[in-house]
Amino acid sequence: MKIAIASEGKNVSGHFGHCQGFTMYEIEKDKVLNSEFVPNPGHRPGFLPVFLKEQEIDMIISGGMGGTAQELFIDNGIDVIVGAEGPCDDVINAYLKGELKSTESVCEEHSHEGHCN
């Protein structure tokens, strides 16, 4: 399984589309095999769900995300968890322990970039 966390440095980004990049974790049997940071190739409507699918991502974790983006991820077979915050490594460990749950919140306005949660 591969999980991408929308990231600002080592922390979860408040809004996936405008994040610095994605911390990608390869998971096997509830254990992190490796991780890498992939810079955001640019925010264009509908592009990032396809880009992450091409990276073989199974799940995206972010602080905030718009409804259309969430639908596009689901349409591309990628699970979505929103409402996450804190250091990416802590978030992935919470997920592996079964402690990370999606708030299912939806960012409504792009003017709130960086302030969604």
C-alpha atoms as a PDB file:
ATOM      1  CA  MET A   1       0.000   0.000   0.000  1.00  0.00           C
ATOM      2  CA  LYS A   2       1.188   3.522  -0.741  1.00  0.00           C
ATOM      3  CA  ILE A   3      -0.068   6.538   1.198  1.00  0.00           C
ATOM      4  CA  ALA A   4       0.585  10.183   0.295  1.00  0.00           C
ATOM      5  CA  ILE A   5       0.348  12.932   2.892  1.00  0.00           C
ATOM      6  CA  ALA A   6      -0.028  16.495   1.589  1.00  0.00           C
ATOM      7  CA  SER A   7       2.921  18.180   3.274  1.00  0.00           C
ATOM      8  CA  GLU A   8       4.422  21.512   4.240  1.00  0.00           C
ATOM      9  CA  GLY A   9       7.920  20.589   5.308  1.00  0.00           C
ATOM     10  CA  LYS A  10       7.527  17.716   7.777  1.00  0.00           C
ATOM     11  CA  ASN A  11       3.930  18.639   8.705  1.00  0.00           C
ATOM     12  CA  VAL A  12       0.531  17.894   7.190  1.00  0.00           C
ATOM     13  CA  SER A  13      -0.619  20.703   4.883  1.00  0.00           C
ATOM     14  CA  GLY A  14      -3.867  22.507   5.604  1.00  0.00           C
ATOM     15  CA  HIS A  15      -4.929  22.221   1.957  1.00  0.00           C
ATOM     16  CA  PHE A  16      -3.680  19.470  -0.337  1.00  0.00           C
ATOM     17  CA  GLY A  17      -3.840  21.387  -3.641  1.00  0.00           C
ATOM     18  CA  HIS A  18      -1.467  24.119  -2.551  1.00  0.00           C
ATOM     19  CA  CYS A  19       0.891  21.988  -0.478  1.00  0.00           C
ATOM     20  CA  GLN A  20       4.644  22.054  -0.898  1.00  0.00           C
ATOM     21  CA  GLY A  21       4.604  18.399  -1.858  1.00  0.00           C
ATOM     22  CA  PHE A  22       3.660  14.891  -0.806  1.00  0.00           C
ATOM     23  CA  THR A  23       5.360  12.675   1.732  1.00  0.00           C
ATOM     24  CA  MET A  24       4.799   9.208   0.282  1.00  0.00           C
ATOM     25  CA  TYR A  25       4.947   6.144   2.480  1.00  0.00           C
ATOM     26  CA  GLU A  26       5.173   2.554   1.314  1.00  0.00           C
ATOM     27  CA  ILE A  27       3.386   0.349   3.843  1.00  0.00           C
ATOM     28  CA  GLU A  28       3.478  -3.412   4.273  1.00  0.00           C
ATOM     29  CA  LYS A  29       1.776  -5.292   7.128  1.00  0.00           C
ATOM     30  CA  ASP A  30       1.265  -2.151   9.247  1.00  0.00           C
ATOM     31  CA  LYS A  31       4.910  -1.135   8.914  1.00  0.00           C
ATOM     32  CA  VAL A  32       6.555   1.707   6.977  1.00  0.00           C
ATOM     33  CA  LEU A  33       9.031   0.236   4.496  1.00  0.00           C
ATOM     34  CA  ASN A  34      10.225   3.596   3.184  1.00  0.00           C
ATOM     35  CA  SER A  35       9.196   7.162   2.569  1.00  0.00           C
ATOM     36  CA  GLU A  36      10.075   9.919   0.140  1.00  0.00           C
ATOM     37  CA  PHE A  37       9.089  13.516  -0.479  1.00  0.00           C
ATOM     38  CA  VAL A  38       7.761  14.360  -3.948  1.00  0.00           C
ATOM     39  CA  PRO A  39       7.355  18.085  -4.763  1.00  0.00           C
ATOM     40  CA  ASN A  40       3.900  19.255  -5.812  1.00  0.00           C
ATOM     41  CA  PRO A  41       3.992  19.367  -9.626  1.00  0.00           C
ATOM     42  CA  GLY A  42       1.475  22.233  -9.641  1.00  0.00           C
ATOM     43  CA  HIS A  43      -2.151  22.827  -8.792  1.00  0.00           C
ATOM     44  CA  ARG A  44      -4.432  22.498 -11.810  1.00  0.00           C
ATOM     45  CA  PRO A  45      -8.069  21.421 -11.618  1.00  0.00           C
ATOM     46  CA  GLY A  46      -8.317  17.628 -11.718  1.00  0.00           C
ATOM     47  CA  PHE A  47      -4.574  17.046 -12.163  1.00  0.00           C
ATOM     48  CA  LEU A  48      -3.356  15.925  -8.722  1.00  0.00           C
ATOM     49  CA  PRO A  49      -5.688  12.917  -8.319  1.00  0.00           C
ATOM     50  CA  VAL A  50      -4.457  11.562 -11.665  1.00  0.00           C
ATOM     51  CA  PHE A  51      -0.818  12.398 -10.828  1.00  0.00           C
ATOM     52  CA  LEU A  52      -1.046  10.544  -7.507  1.00  0.00           C
ATOM     53  CA  LYS A  53      -2.788   7.581  -9.149  1.00  0.00           C
ATOM     54  CA  GLU A  54       0.155   7.396 -11.562  1.00  0.00           C
ATOM     55  CA  GLN A  55       2.413   7.256  -8.470  1.00  0.00           C
ATOM     56  CA  GLU A  56       0.380   4.175  -7.408  1.00  0.00           C
ATOM     57  CA  ILE A  57      -1.024   5.952  -4.342  1.00  0.00           C
ATOM     58  CA  ASP A  58      -3.851   4.116  -2.565  1.00  0.00           C
ATOM     59  CA  MET A  59      -4.718   6.831  -0.021  1.00  0.00           C
ATOM     60  CA  ILE A  60      -4.310  10.604   0.370  1.00  0.00           C
ATOM     61  CA  ILE A  61      -4.182  12.253   3.794  1.00  0.00           C
ATOM     62  CA  SER A  62      -4.539  16.016   4.164  1.00  0.00           C
ATOM     63  CA  GLY A  63      -5.651  18.715   6.515  1.00  0.00           C
ATOM     64  CA  GLY A  64      -8.265  20.055   4.119  1.00  0.00           C
ATOM     65  CA  MET A  65      -9.570  19.358   0.643  1.00  0.00           C
ATOM     66  CA  GLY A  66     -12.421  20.582  -1.547  1.00  0.00           C
ATOM     67  CA  GLY A  67     -15.393  18.378  -2.343  1.00  0.00           C
ATOM     68  CA  THR A  68     -14.624  18.083  -6.058  1.00  0.00           C
ATOM     69  CA  ALA A  69     -11.067  16.948  -5.315  1.00  0.00           C
ATOM     70  CA  GLN A  70     -12.343  14.366  -2.833  1.00  0.00           C
ATOM     71  CA  GLU A  71     -14.727  13.020  -5.486  1.00  0.00           C
ATOM     72  CA  LEU A  72     -11.934  12.881  -8.085  1.00  0.00           C
ATOM     73  CA  PHE A  73      -9.716  10.902  -5.713  1.00  0.00           C
ATOM     74  CA  ILE A  74     -12.524   8.441  -5.014  1.00  0.00           C
ATOM     75  CA  ASP A  75     -13.221   8.166  -8.765  1.00  0.00           C
ATOM     76  CA  ASN A  76      -9.524   7.285  -9.225  1.00  0.00           C
ATOM     77  CA  GLY A  77      -9.710   4.570  -6.553  1.00  0.00           C
ATOM     78  CA  ILE A  78      -7.827   6.577  -3.926  1.00  0.00           C
ATOM     79  CA  ASP A  79      -9.182   6.689  -0.367  1.00  0.00           C
ATOM     80  CA  VAL A  80      -9.315  10.120   1.301  1.00  0.00           C
ATOM     81  CA  ILE A  81      -8.674  11.117   4.906  1.00  0.00           C
ATOM     82  CA  VAL A  82      -9.070  14.808   5.759  1.00  0.00           C
ATOM     83  CA  GLY A  83      -8.766  16.712   9.003  1.00  0.00           C
ATOM     84  CA  ALA A  84      -5.268  15.429   9.808  1.00  0.00           C
ATOM     85  CA  GLU A  85      -2.714  17.719  11.416  1.00  0.00           C
ATOM     86  CA  GLY A  86       0.751  17.587  12.920  1.00  0.00           C
ATOM     87  CA  PRO A  87       3.994  15.945  11.842  1.00  0.00           C
ATOM     88  CA  CYS A  88       3.573  13.536   8.907  1.00  0.00           C
ATOM     89  CA  ASP A  89       5.421  10.711  10.693  1.00  0.00           C
ATOM     90  CA  ASP A  90       3.070  11.012  13.682  1.00  0.00           C
ATOM     91  CA  VAL A  91       0.042  10.971  11.375  1.00  0.00           C
ATOM     92  CA  ILE A  92       1.191   7.848   9.509  1.00  0.00           C
ATOM     93  CA  ASN A  93       1.882   6.103  12.818  1.00  0.00           C
ATOM     94  CA  ALA A  94      -1.612   7.039  14.066  1.00  0.00           C
ATOM     95  CA  TYR A  95      -3.051   5.597  10.852  1.00  0.00           C
ATOM     96  CA  LEU A  96      -1.106   2.349  11.290  1.00  0.00           C
ATOM     97  CA  LYS A  97      -2.438   2.036  14.854  1.00  0.00           C
ATOM     98  CA  GLY A  98      -6.007   2.569  13.631  1.00  0.00           C
ATOM     99  CA  GLU A  99      -6.237   5.903  15.466  1.00  0.00           C
ATOM    100  CA  LEU A 100      -6.603   8.241  12.460  1.00  0.00           C
ATOM    101  CA  LYS A 101     -10.144   8.962  11.323  1.00  0.00           C
ATOM    102  CA  SER A 102     -11.329  11.322   8.610  1.00  0.00           C
ATOM    103  CA  THR A 103     -13.380  14.319   9.694  1.00  0.00           C
ATOM    104  CA  GLU A 104     -14.946  14.193   6.210  1.00  0.00           C
ATOM    105  CA  SER A 105     -14.933  17.999   6.194  1.00  0.00           C
ATOM    106  CA  VAL A 106     -14.927  19.853   2.893  1.00  0.00           C
ATOM    107  CA  CYS A 107     -13.072  23.091   2.148  1.00  0.00           C
ATOM    108  CA  GLU A 108     -15.555  25.386   0.443  1.00  0.00           C
ATOM    109  CA  GLU A 109     -13.388  28.276  -0.762  1.00  0.00           C
ATOM    110  CA  HIS A 110      -9.953  28.482  -2.348  1.00  0.00           C
ATOM    111  CA  SER A 111      -9.475  31.841  -0.635  1.00  0.00           C
ATOM    112  CA  HIS A 112      -8.973  29.834   2.576  1.00  0.00           C
ATOM    113  CA  GLU A 113      -5.860  28.202   1.155  1.00  0.00           C
ATOM    114  CA  GLY A 114      -3.616  27.181   4.027  1.00  0.00           C
ATOM    115  CA  HIS A 115      -6.394  27.717   6.567  1.00  0.00           C
ATOM    116  CA  CYS A 116      -8.597  24.676   5.910  1.00  0.00           C
ATOM    117  CA  ASN A 117      -9.066  22.149   8.698  1.00  0.00           C
END
